[in-house]
Amino acid sequence: MTTEAAHEAYSRRAADYIDAVGRIEHAAQWDRDYLLAWARSIDGRVIDVGCGPGQWTNYFHEAGIDIGGVDPSEVFIAEAKRSYPDVHYRLGRAEGLDLADSSAGGILAWFSLIHVDPATVQEPLREFARCLVPGGSVALGFFDGPAREPFDHAITTAYYWSVNALSSELDQAGFDVTDSVTRHGPGVRRQGVIVARLRDPVSA
């Protein structure tokens, strides 16, 4: 699965996605509380990578977080700007964020790397490391399962990760994992969250 194919699939199915999971009310309360606590711990601007129709970006913005949303889909960015006109959204890709080096305090990638071929997952992770200040934090949402195994996602092919496997990838990209959680609700795939801190190159 190429990232371009995934982008096209989401653009074609944008309306279905928004109806199913594209509003903050669709998110579990646990997710909202956990991620808001994480965002409030960030010193500096937060970038919501793969923001989709903008619900999480707006949720943080309304809580007073300095945040902007980035997504490769013109359809999603147009919807985000229409729904949440007070928040900054722009086109961009996880592997090429068009940000200055060390310019962000935190990056949220909430299930936005699940379609990335595991063989190329270092590309977005190293881009995150480039954009974050030393000590900056990344929060990743993913589907927990046999690491790197593909499955039929509602939109297009996605890949499972385990905490250990994704933590190893983060370590290679220059991050230290500071927290990880997996959970399984009724009727949904097992999900995972990893929070990691970018190492200071002096102490790495």
N, C-alpha and C. Protein backbone atom coordinates (compact mmCIF):
# COMPACT_ATOMS: atom_id res chain seq x y z
N MET A 1 0.83 -1.20 0.00
CA MET A 1 0.00 0.00 0.00
C MET A 1 0.87 1.25 0.00
N THR A 2 0.77 2.06 -1.05
CA THR A 2 1.51 3.32 -1.09
C THR A 2 0.72 4.40 -0.36
N THR A 3 1.42 5.40 0.13
CA THR A 3 0.72 6.50 0.80
C THR A 3 -0.19 7.23 -0.17
N GLU A 4 0.21 7.33 -1.43
CA GLU A 4 -0.63 8.01 -2.42
C GLU A 4 -1.95 7.26 -2.61
N ALA A 5 -1.89 5.94 -2.67
CA ALA A 5 -3.11 5.14 -2.81
C ALA A 5 -4.03 5.33 -1.61
N ALA A 6 -3.45 5.39 -0.42
CA ALA A 6 -4.25 5.61 0.79
C ALA A 6 -4.91 6.99 0.76
N HIS A 7 -4.16 8.01 0.35
CA HIS A 7 -4.72 9.36 0.27
C HIS A 7 -5.91 9.39 -0.69
N GLU A 8 -5.76 8.76 -1.83
CA GLU A 8 -6.85 8.74 -2.81
C GLU A 8 -8.07 7.99 -2.28
N ALA A 9 -7.83 6.89 -1.55
CA ALA A 9 -8.94 6.12 -1.00
C ALA A 9 -9.72 6.94 0.01
N TYR A 10 -9.02 7.70 0.85
CA TYR A 10 -9.71 8.53 1.85
C TYR A 10 -10.47 9.67 1.18
N SER A 11 -9.90 10.25 0.14
CA SER A 11 -10.60 11.33 -0.56
C SER A 11 -11.89 10.82 -1.18
N ARG A 12 -11.86 9.59 -1.74
CA ARG A 12 -13.06 9.03 -2.34
C ARG A 12 -14.13 8.71 -1.29
N ARG A 13 -13.69 8.31 -0.10
CA ARG A 13 -14.61 7.87 0.94
C ARG A 13 -14.76 8.90 2.06
N ALA A 14 -14.42 10.14 1.78
CA ALA A 14 -14.39 11.16 2.83
C ALA A 14 -15.72 11.30 3.55
N ALA A 15 -16.81 11.32 2.79
CA ALA A 15 -18.13 11.50 3.42
C ALA A 15 -18.45 10.33 4.35
N ASP A 16 -18.15 9.12 3.91
CA ASP A 16 -18.40 7.95 4.75
C ASP A 16 -17.56 8.01 6.02
N TYR A 17 -16.30 8.42 5.88
CA TYR A 17 -15.41 8.50 7.03
C TYR A 17 -15.93 9.52 8.04
N ILE A 18 -16.33 10.68 7.56
CA ILE A 18 -16.81 11.73 8.47
C ILE A 18 -18.06 11.27 9.20
N ASP A 19 -18.96 10.61 8.49
CA ASP A 19 -20.19 10.12 9.12
C ASP A 19 -19.89 9.08 10.20
N ALA A 20 -18.86 8.26 9.97
CA ALA A 20 -18.57 7.16 10.89
C ALA A 20 -17.72 7.58 12.08
N VAL A 21 -16.64 8.32 11.83
CA VAL A 21 -15.69 8.62 12.92
C VAL A 21 -15.14 10.04 12.86
N GLY A 22 -15.68 10.90 12.02
CA GLY A 22 -15.07 12.18 11.76
C GLY A 22 -15.50 13.34 12.63
N ARG A 23 -16.14 13.07 13.75
CA ARG A 23 -16.50 14.12 14.70
C ARG A 23 -15.95 13.74 16.07
N ILE A 24 -15.62 14.72 16.87
CA ILE A 24 -15.01 14.41 18.16
C ILE A 24 -15.94 13.60 19.05
N GLU A 25 -17.25 13.73 18.83
CA GLU A 25 -18.21 12.94 19.60
C GLU A 25 -18.08 11.44 19.33
N HIS A 26 -17.46 11.09 18.21
CA HIS A 26 -17.25 9.67 17.90
C HIS A 26 -16.11 9.08 18.72
N ALA A 27 -15.24 9.92 19.25
CA ALA A 27 -14.07 9.44 19.98
C ALA A 27 -14.44 9.01 21.39
N ALA A 28 -13.81 7.97 21.87
CA ALA A 28 -14.04 7.51 23.24
C ALA A 28 -13.59 8.58 24.22
N GLN A 29 -14.30 8.68 25.33
CA GLN A 29 -13.95 9.68 26.34
C GLN A 29 -12.54 9.44 26.87
N TRP A 30 -12.14 8.18 26.99
CA TRP A 30 -10.79 7.88 27.46
C TRP A 30 -9.76 8.49 26.52
N ASP A 31 -9.97 8.36 25.22
CA ASP A 31 -9.04 8.93 24.25
C ASP A 31 -8.97 10.45 24.40
N ARG A 32 -10.12 11.07 24.53
CA ARG A 32 -10.15 12.54 24.66
C ARG A 32 -9.38 12.99 25.89
N ASP A 33 -9.63 12.33 27.01
CA ASP A 33 -8.97 12.73 28.26
C ASP A 33 -7.47 12.49 28.19
N TYR A 34 -7.08 11.34 27.68
CA TYR A 34 -5.66 10.98 27.62
C TYR A 34 -4.90 11.95 26.72
N LEU A 35 -5.43 12.19 25.53
CA LEU A 35 -4.72 13.03 24.57
C LEU A 35 -4.72 14.50 24.98
N LEU A 36 -5.78 14.96 25.63
CA LEU A 36 -5.79 16.34 26.09
C LEU A 36 -4.75 16.53 27.19
N ALA A 37 -4.63 15.56 28.10
CA ALA A 37 -3.59 15.64 29.13
C ALA A 37 -2.21 15.67 28.49
N TRP A 38 -2.01 14.83 27.46
CA TRP A 38 -0.73 14.85 26.74
C TRP A 38 -0.49 16.22 26.11
N ALA A 39 -1.47 16.75 25.40
CA ALA A 39 -1.29 18.02 24.71
C ALA A 39 -0.99 19.15 25.68
N ARG A 40 -1.61 19.12 26.86
CA ARG A 40 -1.38 20.17 27.85
C ARG A 40 0.02 20.10 28.45
N SER A 41 0.69 18.97 28.25
CA SER A 41 2.06 18.84 28.77
C SER A 41 3.10 19.36 27.78
N ILE A 42 2.68 19.72 26.58
CA ILE A 42 3.60 20.11 25.52
C ILE A 42 4.01 21.57 25.68
N ASP A 43 5.30 21.82 25.54
CA ASP A 43 5.82 23.18 25.52
C ASP A 43 6.08 23.56 24.06
N GLY A 44 5.17 24.34 23.50
CA GLY A 44 5.30 24.73 22.10
C GLY A 44 4.10 24.28 21.29
N ARG A 45 4.17 24.52 20.00
CA ARG A 45 3.06 24.24 19.11
C ARG A 45 2.93 22.74 18.85
N VAL A 46 1.68 22.29 18.76
CA VAL A 46 1.37 20.90 18.44
C VAL A 46 0.89 20.83 17.00
N ILE A 47 1.34 19.81 16.27
CA ILE A 47 0.90 19.58 14.90
C ILE A 47 0.10 18.28 14.87
N ASP A 48 -1.14 18.36 14.38
CA ASP A 48 -2.00 17.20 14.21
C ASP A 48 -1.79 16.66 12.81
N VAL A 49 -0.97 15.62 12.70
CA VAL A 49 -0.58 15.07 11.39
C VAL A 49 -1.60 14.02 10.96
N GLY A 50 -2.17 14.22 9.77
CA GLY A 50 -3.26 13.36 9.35
C GLY A 50 -4.53 13.75 10.06
N CYS A 51 -4.80 15.05 10.09
CA CYS A 51 -5.91 15.60 10.90
C CYS A 51 -7.28 15.24 10.34
N GLY A 52 -7.34 14.74 9.09
CA GLY A 52 -8.63 14.39 8.53
C GLY A 52 -9.55 15.60 8.49
N PRO A 53 -10.81 15.45 8.87
CA PRO A 53 -11.75 16.57 8.83
C PRO A 53 -11.60 17.54 10.00
N GLY A 54 -10.55 17.36 10.82
CA GLY A 54 -10.18 18.41 11.77
C GLY A 54 -10.74 18.33 13.16
N GLN A 55 -11.42 17.24 13.52
CA GLN A 55 -12.11 17.20 14.80
C GLN A 55 -11.16 17.25 16.00
N TRP A 56 -10.05 16.52 15.91
CA TRP A 56 -9.10 16.53 17.04
C TRP A 56 -8.39 17.87 17.14
N THR A 57 -8.00 18.44 16.02
CA THR A 57 -7.34 19.73 16.04
C THR A 57 -8.22 20.77 16.70
N ASN A 58 -9.49 20.78 16.33
CA ASN A 58 -10.41 21.74 16.92
C ASN A 58 -10.64 21.46 18.41
N TYR A 59 -10.70 20.20 18.78
CA TYR A 59 -10.88 19.84 20.20
C TYR A 59 -9.76 20.43 21.05
N PHE A 60 -8.52 20.30 20.58
CA PHE A 60 -7.39 20.86 21.32
C PHE A 60 -7.41 22.39 21.28
N HIS A 61 -7.75 22.94 20.13
CA HIS A 61 -7.82 24.39 20.00
C HIS A 61 -8.82 24.98 21.00
N GLU A 62 -9.96 24.35 21.11
CA GLU A 62 -10.98 24.84 22.05
C GLU A 62 -10.52 24.73 23.50
N ALA A 63 -9.56 23.85 23.75
CA ALA A 63 -9.01 23.71 25.10
C ALA A 63 -7.83 24.64 25.34
N GLY A 64 -7.52 25.49 24.37
CA GLY A 64 -6.47 26.47 24.54
C GLY A 64 -5.09 26.02 24.09
N ILE A 65 -5.02 24.89 23.38
CA ILE A 65 -3.74 24.39 22.88
C ILE A 65 -3.36 25.10 21.59
N ASP A 66 -2.10 25.49 21.46
CA ASP A 66 -1.58 26.05 20.21
C ASP A 66 -1.37 24.90 19.24
N ILE A 67 -2.22 24.78 18.23
CA ILE A 67 -2.21 23.60 17.37
C ILE A 67 -2.61 23.95 15.95
N GLY A 68 -2.09 23.18 15.00
CA GLY A 68 -2.50 23.28 13.61
C GLY A 68 -2.64 21.88 13.03
N GLY A 69 -3.49 21.75 12.01
CA GLY A 69 -3.75 20.45 11.40
C GLY A 69 -3.15 20.35 10.01
N VAL A 70 -2.65 19.15 9.68
CA VAL A 70 -2.05 18.87 8.38
C VAL A 70 -2.64 17.58 7.85
N ASP A 71 -3.03 17.56 6.57
CA ASP A 71 -3.56 16.35 5.97
C ASP A 71 -3.29 16.39 4.46
N PRO A 72 -3.08 15.23 3.84
CA PRO A 72 -2.82 15.20 2.40
C PRO A 72 -4.06 15.31 1.53
N SER A 73 -5.24 15.20 2.13
CA SER A 73 -6.48 15.19 1.35
C SER A 73 -7.09 16.59 1.25
N GLU A 74 -7.21 17.06 0.03
CA GLU A 74 -7.85 18.37 -0.17
C GLU A 74 -9.30 18.34 0.31
N VAL A 75 -9.96 17.21 0.17
CA VAL A 75 -11.35 17.09 0.62
C VAL A 75 -11.44 17.27 2.13
N PHE A 76 -10.56 16.61 2.87
CA PHE A 76 -10.58 16.73 4.32
C PHE A 76 -10.21 18.15 4.77
N ILE A 77 -9.21 18.74 4.15
CA ILE A 77 -8.81 20.09 4.55
C ILE A 77 -9.93 21.09 4.29
N ALA A 78 -10.62 20.94 3.16
CA ALA A 78 -11.75 21.83 2.88
C ALA A 78 -12.84 21.66 3.92
N GLU A 79 -13.13 20.42 4.31
CA GLU A 79 -14.14 20.16 5.33
C GLU A 79 -13.71 20.72 6.68
N ALA A 80 -12.44 20.55 7.03
CA ALA A 80 -11.95 21.06 8.30
C ALA A 80 -12.07 22.58 8.36
N LYS A 81 -11.70 23.25 7.29
CA LYS A 81 -11.78 24.72 7.27
C LYS A 81 -13.22 25.19 7.33
N ARG A 82 -14.11 24.43 6.69
CA ARG A 82 -15.53 24.81 6.71
C ARG A 82 -16.13 24.61 8.11
N SER A 83 -15.79 23.49 8.73
CA SER A 83 -16.38 23.15 10.03
C SER A 83 -15.77 23.94 11.18
N TYR A 84 -14.47 24.23 11.08
CA TYR A 84 -13.74 24.86 12.19
C TYR A 84 -12.91 26.03 11.66
N PRO A 85 -13.56 27.11 11.27
CA PRO A 85 -12.86 28.20 10.58
C PRO A 85 -11.85 28.95 11.45
N ASP A 86 -11.87 28.76 12.76
CA ASP A 86 -10.94 29.47 13.63
C ASP A 86 -9.63 28.72 13.84
N VAL A 87 -9.50 27.55 13.22
CA VAL A 87 -8.31 26.71 13.39
C VAL A 87 -7.52 26.69 12.09
N HIS A 88 -6.19 26.58 12.19
CA HIS A 88 -5.35 26.58 11.00
C HIS A 88 -5.16 25.16 10.49
N TYR A 89 -5.53 24.95 9.22
CA TYR A 89 -5.35 23.67 8.54
C TYR A 89 -4.64 23.90 7.22
N ARG A 90 -3.82 22.92 6.83
CA ARG A 90 -3.15 23.04 5.53
C ARG A 90 -2.85 21.65 4.98
N LEU A 91 -2.63 21.60 3.66
CA LEU A 91 -2.24 20.36 3.02
C LEU A 91 -0.79 20.01 3.40
N GLY A 92 -0.54 18.72 3.59
CA GLY A 92 0.81 18.26 3.89
C GLY A 92 0.80 16.77 4.14
N ARG A 93 1.98 16.18 4.14
CA ARG A 93 2.13 14.74 4.30
C ARG A 93 3.03 14.44 5.49
N ALA A 94 2.79 13.30 6.11
CA ALA A 94 3.57 12.92 7.28
C ALA A 94 5.06 12.83 6.97
N GLU A 95 5.39 12.38 5.78
CA GLU A 95 6.80 12.21 5.43
C GLU A 95 7.43 13.48 4.88
N GLY A 96 6.65 14.56 4.77
CA GLY A 96 7.15 15.84 4.29
C GLY A 96 6.28 16.97 4.81
N LEU A 97 6.53 17.40 6.04
CA LEU A 97 5.62 18.33 6.72
C LEU A 97 5.84 19.78 6.35
N ASP A 98 6.92 20.10 5.67
CA ASP A 98 7.20 21.48 5.27
C ASP A 98 7.22 22.41 6.48
N LEU A 99 7.90 21.94 7.54
CA LEU A 99 8.11 22.74 8.74
C LEU A 99 9.61 22.95 8.93
N ALA A 100 9.96 24.04 9.61
CA ALA A 100 11.37 24.28 9.93
C ALA A 100 11.87 23.24 10.93
N ASP A 101 13.15 22.98 10.90
CA ASP A 101 13.75 22.08 11.88
C ASP A 101 13.46 22.57 13.30
N SER A 102 13.17 21.63 14.19
CA SER A 102 12.99 21.93 15.62
C SER A 102 11.99 23.06 15.86
N SER A 103 10.88 23.03 15.14
CA SER A 103 9.90 24.12 15.23
C SER A 103 8.61 23.75 15.95
N ALA A 104 8.45 22.47 16.32
CA ALA A 104 7.22 22.02 16.97
C ALA A 104 7.53 21.41 18.33
N GLY A 105 6.59 21.57 19.25
CA GLY A 105 6.76 20.97 20.57
C GLY A 105 6.18 19.57 20.65
N GLY A 106 5.15 19.30 19.85
CA GLY A 106 4.50 18.00 19.88
C GLY A 106 3.88 17.66 18.55
N ILE A 107 3.79 16.36 18.27
CA ILE A 107 3.14 15.88 17.05
C ILE A 107 2.17 14.77 17.43
N LEU A 108 0.92 14.95 17.02
CA LEU A 108 -0.10 13.92 17.17
C LEU A 108 -0.26 13.21 15.83
N ALA A 109 -0.11 11.89 15.84
CA ALA A 109 -0.37 11.08 14.64
C ALA A 109 -1.38 10.01 15.07
N TRP A 110 -2.63 10.43 15.12
CA TRP A 110 -3.69 9.60 15.68
C TRP A 110 -4.26 8.67 14.61
N PHE A 111 -3.73 7.46 14.54
CA PHE A 111 -4.12 6.47 13.54
C PHE A 111 -3.84 6.96 12.12
N SER A 112 -2.91 7.89 11.98
CA SER A 112 -2.61 8.43 10.65
C SER A 112 -1.42 7.74 9.99
N LEU A 113 -0.76 6.82 10.69
CA LEU A 113 0.33 6.06 10.08
C LEU A 113 -0.06 4.61 9.82
N ILE A 114 -1.31 4.26 10.04
CA ILE A 114 -1.71 2.85 9.96
C ILE A 114 -1.67 2.30 8.54
N HIS A 115 -1.70 3.17 7.54
CA HIS A 115 -1.66 2.71 6.15
C HIS A 115 -0.26 2.79 5.54
N VAL A 116 0.70 3.26 6.32
CA VAL A 116 2.07 3.36 5.83
C VAL A 116 2.69 1.96 5.80
N ASP A 117 3.26 1.59 4.66
CA ASP A 117 3.95 0.32 4.56
C ASP A 117 4.99 0.24 5.67
N PRO A 118 4.98 -0.81 6.50
CA PRO A 118 5.94 -0.90 7.59
C PRO A 118 7.39 -0.77 7.16
N ALA A 119 7.68 -1.14 5.92
CA ALA A 119 9.05 -1.03 5.42
C ALA A 119 9.50 0.42 5.28
N THR A 120 8.54 1.35 5.23
CA THR A 120 8.88 2.77 5.03
C THR A 120 8.45 3.64 6.21
N VAL A 121 8.09 3.04 7.35
CA VAL A 121 7.57 3.84 8.46
C VAL A 121 8.63 4.77 9.05
N GLN A 122 9.91 4.48 8.82
CA GLN A 122 10.95 5.38 9.30
C GLN A 122 10.87 6.75 8.63
N GLU A 123 10.31 6.83 7.43
CA GLU A 123 10.24 8.12 6.74
C GLU A 123 9.43 9.14 7.53
N PRO A 124 8.18 8.85 7.91
CA PRO A 124 7.46 9.84 8.71
C PRO A 124 8.05 10.01 10.12
N LEU A 125 8.53 8.93 10.73
CA LEU A 125 9.07 9.06 12.08
C LEU A 125 10.30 9.96 12.10
N ARG A 126 11.16 9.84 11.11
CA ARG A 126 12.34 10.70 11.06
C ARG A 126 11.97 12.14 10.69
N GLU A 127 10.91 12.29 9.93
CA GLU A 127 10.41 13.65 9.66
C GLU A 127 9.86 14.28 10.94
N PHE A 128 9.17 13.49 11.75
CA PHE A 128 8.71 14.00 13.04
C PHE A 128 9.89 14.44 13.89
N ALA A 129 10.93 13.60 13.93
CA ALA A 129 12.11 13.93 14.73
C ALA A 129 12.76 15.22 14.23
N ARG A 130 12.79 15.41 12.93
CA ARG A 130 13.38 16.64 12.38
C ARG A 130 12.63 17.88 12.81
N CYS A 131 11.31 17.77 12.85
CA CYS A 131 10.47 18.94 13.12
C CYS A 131 10.34 19.27 14.59
N LEU A 132 10.57 18.30 15.47
CA LEU A 132 10.39 18.51 16.90
C LEU A 132 11.63 19.13 17.54
N VAL A 133 11.41 19.91 18.58
CA VAL A 133 12.51 20.37 19.41
C VAL A 133 13.04 19.18 20.22
N PRO A 134 14.30 19.18 20.61
CA PRO A 134 14.77 18.13 21.52
C PRO A 134 13.90 18.11 22.78
N GLY A 135 13.47 16.94 23.16
CA GLY A 135 12.53 16.82 24.27
C GLY A 135 11.08 16.91 23.84
N GLY A 136 10.83 17.22 22.56
CA GLY A 136 9.47 17.27 22.05
C GLY A 136 8.83 15.88 22.07
N SER A 137 7.53 15.85 22.00
CA SER A 137 6.80 14.59 22.20
C SER A 137 5.93 14.25 21.01
N VAL A 138 5.83 12.95 20.76
CA VAL A 138 4.93 12.45 19.72
C VAL A 138 3.95 11.48 20.37
N ALA A 139 2.70 11.53 19.95
CA ALA A 139 1.67 10.58 20.41
C ALA A 139 1.12 9.87 19.18
N LEU A 140 1.25 8.55 19.17
CA LEU A 140 0.83 7.74 18.04
C LEU A 140 -0.32 6.84 18.44
N GLY A 141 -1.38 6.83 17.63
CA GLY A 141 -2.46 5.86 17.79
C GLY A 141 -2.34 4.80 16.72
N PHE A 142 -2.60 3.53 17.08
CA PHE A 142 -2.43 2.43 16.12
C PHE A 142 -3.32 1.27 16.51
N PHE A 143 -3.45 0.31 15.62
CA PHE A 143 -4.17 -0.92 15.91
C PHE A 143 -3.18 -1.97 16.38
N ASP A 144 -3.43 -2.50 17.56
CA ASP A 144 -2.52 -3.44 18.21
C ASP A 144 -2.78 -4.85 17.70
N GLY A 145 -1.71 -5.50 17.26
CA GLY A 145 -1.85 -6.86 16.76
C GLY A 145 -0.51 -7.39 16.29
N PRO A 146 -0.51 -8.44 15.49
CA PRO A 146 0.75 -9.00 14.99
C PRO A 146 1.50 -7.94 14.17
N ALA A 147 2.68 -7.60 14.62
CA ALA A 147 3.40 -6.46 14.06
C ALA A 147 3.60 -6.57 12.57
N ARG A 148 3.23 -5.49 11.88
CA ARG A 148 3.43 -5.32 10.43
C ARG A 148 2.49 -6.17 9.58
N GLU A 149 1.54 -6.83 10.18
CA GLU A 149 0.62 -7.67 9.42
C GLU A 149 -0.49 -6.81 8.82
N PRO A 150 -0.78 -6.95 7.52
CA PRO A 150 -1.86 -6.15 6.91
C PRO A 150 -3.23 -6.69 7.28
N PHE A 151 -4.22 -5.81 7.25
CA PHE A 151 -5.60 -6.23 7.44
C PHE A 151 -6.51 -5.33 6.62
N ASP A 152 -7.74 -5.77 6.43
CA ASP A 152 -8.71 -5.03 5.62
C ASP A 152 -9.39 -3.97 6.47
N HIS A 153 -8.89 -2.77 6.37
CA HIS A 153 -9.49 -1.62 7.03
C HIS A 153 -10.70 -1.16 6.22
N ALA A 154 -11.61 -0.42 6.85
CA ALA A 154 -12.84 0.01 6.18
C ALA A 154 -12.56 0.87 4.94
N ILE A 155 -11.45 1.61 4.94
CA ILE A 155 -11.13 2.48 3.81
C ILE A 155 -10.18 1.81 2.85
N THR A 156 -9.06 1.31 3.37
CA THR A 156 -8.05 0.66 2.53
C THR A 156 -7.10 -0.12 3.44
N THR A 157 -6.24 -0.93 2.86
CA THR A 157 -5.36 -1.81 3.62
C THR A 157 -4.59 -1.04 4.69
N ALA A 158 -4.60 -1.59 5.90
CA ALA A 158 -3.84 -1.01 7.01
C ALA A 158 -2.96 -2.10 7.60
N TYR A 159 -2.14 -1.70 8.60
CA TYR A 159 -1.18 -2.63 9.19
C TYR A 159 -1.26 -2.58 10.70
N TYR A 160 -1.19 -3.75 11.31
CA TYR A 160 -1.10 -3.83 12.76
C TYR A 160 0.33 -3.50 13.20
N TRP A 161 0.42 -3.01 14.45
CA TRP A 161 1.69 -2.85 15.13
C TRP A 161 1.55 -3.40 16.54
N SER A 162 2.64 -3.86 17.10
CA SER A 162 2.70 -4.15 18.52
C SER A 162 3.42 -3.01 19.21
N VAL A 163 3.24 -2.90 20.52
CA VAL A 163 3.96 -1.86 21.27
C VAL A 163 5.46 -2.04 21.10
N ASN A 164 5.94 -3.27 21.22
CA ASN A 164 7.38 -3.50 21.13
C ASN A 164 7.94 -3.13 19.76
N ALA A 165 7.24 -3.54 18.70
CA ALA A 165 7.74 -3.27 17.35
C ALA A 165 7.73 -1.78 17.03
N LEU A 166 6.65 -1.10 17.38
CA LEU A 166 6.58 0.33 17.08
C LEU A 166 7.53 1.11 17.98
N SER A 167 7.72 0.66 19.21
CA SER A 167 8.70 1.30 20.10
C SER A 167 10.10 1.17 19.52
N SER A 168 10.41 0.03 18.93
CA SER A 168 11.72 -0.17 18.31
C SER A 168 11.92 0.79 17.14
N GLU A 169 10.87 0.98 16.33
CA GLU A 169 10.96 1.92 15.22
C GLU A 169 11.18 3.35 15.73
N LEU A 170 10.50 3.70 16.80
CA LEU A 170 10.68 5.03 17.38
C LEU A 170 12.09 5.21 17.92
N ASP A 171 12.62 4.18 18.54
CA ASP A 171 13.98 4.23 19.05
C ASP A 171 14.97 4.50 17.91
N GLN A 172 14.78 3.82 16.79
CA GLN A 172 15.66 4.03 15.64
C GLN A 172 15.58 5.45 15.11
N ALA A 173 14.41 6.08 15.26
CA ALA A 173 14.22 7.45 14.77
C ALA A 173 14.66 8.50 15.78
N GLY A 174 15.12 8.07 16.96
CA GLY A 174 15.64 9.02 17.94
C GLY A 174 14.74 9.33 19.11
N PHE A 175 13.75 8.47 19.36
CA PHE A 175 12.79 8.71 20.43
C PHE A 175 12.95 7.71 21.57
N ASP A 176 12.59 8.15 22.77
CA ASP A 176 12.46 7.28 23.93
C ASP A 176 10.98 7.20 24.30
N VAL A 177 10.45 6.00 24.37
CA VAL A 177 9.05 5.81 24.75
C VAL A 177 8.86 6.16 26.22
N THR A 178 7.86 6.99 26.51
CA THR A 178 7.58 7.39 27.88
C THR A 178 6.27 6.81 28.41
N ASP A 179 5.41 6.35 27.50
CA ASP A 179 4.16 5.72 27.94
C ASP A 179 3.58 4.91 26.79
N SER A 180 2.90 3.83 27.14
CA SER A 180 2.20 3.04 26.13
C SER A 180 1.00 2.37 26.80
N VAL A 181 -0.08 2.30 26.06
CA VAL A 181 -1.34 1.73 26.56
C VAL A 181 -1.98 0.94 25.43
N THR A 182 -2.51 -0.23 25.73
CA THR A 182 -3.37 -0.94 24.79
C THR A 182 -4.70 -1.21 25.45
N ARG A 183 -5.74 -1.23 24.65
CA ARG A 183 -7.06 -1.48 25.21
C ARG A 183 -7.97 -2.06 24.13
N HIS A 184 -9.03 -2.69 24.58
CA HIS A 184 -9.92 -3.38 23.66
C HIS A 184 -11.36 -3.16 24.11
N GLY A 185 -12.11 -2.39 23.32
CA GLY A 185 -13.51 -2.18 23.61
C GLY A 185 -14.39 -3.13 22.83
N PRO A 186 -15.65 -3.25 23.20
CA PRO A 186 -16.56 -4.16 22.51
C PRO A 186 -16.78 -3.75 21.06
N GLY A 187 -16.65 -4.72 20.16
CA GLY A 187 -16.96 -4.49 18.76
C GLY A 187 -15.92 -3.73 17.96
N VAL A 188 -14.74 -3.48 18.54
CA VAL A 188 -13.70 -2.76 17.81
C VAL A 188 -12.38 -3.52 17.94
N ARG A 189 -11.48 -3.26 17.00
CA ARG A 189 -10.16 -3.86 17.06
C ARG A 189 -9.38 -3.33 18.26
N ARG A 190 -8.47 -4.13 18.77
CA ARG A 190 -7.62 -3.69 19.87
C ARG A 190 -6.78 -2.50 19.42
N GLN A 191 -6.72 -1.49 20.27
CA GLN A 191 -6.03 -0.26 19.92
C GLN A 191 -4.86 -0.02 20.85
N GLY A 192 -3.90 0.77 20.37
CA GLY A 192 -2.74 1.11 21.18
C GLY A 192 -2.39 2.57 21.05
N VAL A 193 -1.74 3.08 22.09
CA VAL A 193 -1.22 4.45 22.10
C VAL A 193 0.22 4.39 22.59
N ILE A 194 1.10 5.07 21.91
CA ILE A 194 2.47 5.24 22.38
C ILE A 194 2.81 6.72 22.41
N VAL A 195 3.38 7.15 23.51
CA VAL A 195 3.91 8.51 23.64
C VAL A 195 5.42 8.39 23.77
N ALA A 196 6.14 9.19 23.01
CA ALA A 196 7.60 9.12 23.01
C ALA A 196 8.21 10.51 22.97
N ARG A 197 9.39 10.63 23.57
CA ARG A 197 10.10 11.90 23.68
C ARG A 197 11.33 11.87 22.79
N LEU A 198 11.53 12.94 22.02
CA LEU A 198 12.71 13.04 21.16
C LEU A 198 13.95 13.25 22.02
N ARG A 199 14.94 12.39 21.83
CA ARG A 199 16.17 12.49 22.60
C ARG A 199 16.95 13.74 22.24
N ASP A 200 17.60 14.33 23.22
CA ASP A 200 18.54 15.41 22.99
C ASP A 200 19.76 14.80 22.32
N PRO A 201 20.17 15.32 21.16
CA PRO A 201 21.31 14.70 20.45
C PRO A 201 22.59 14.70 21.27
N VAL A 202 22.72 15.61 22.22
CA VAL A 202 23.92 15.67 23.05
C VAL A 202 24.00 14.47 23.98
N SER A 203 22.80 14.03 24.45
CA SER A 203 22.76 12.94 25.43
C SER A 203 22.39 11.62 24.81
N ALA A 204 22.12 11.61 23.48
CA ALA A 204 21.68 10.37 22.83
C ALA A 204 22.81 9.35 22.79
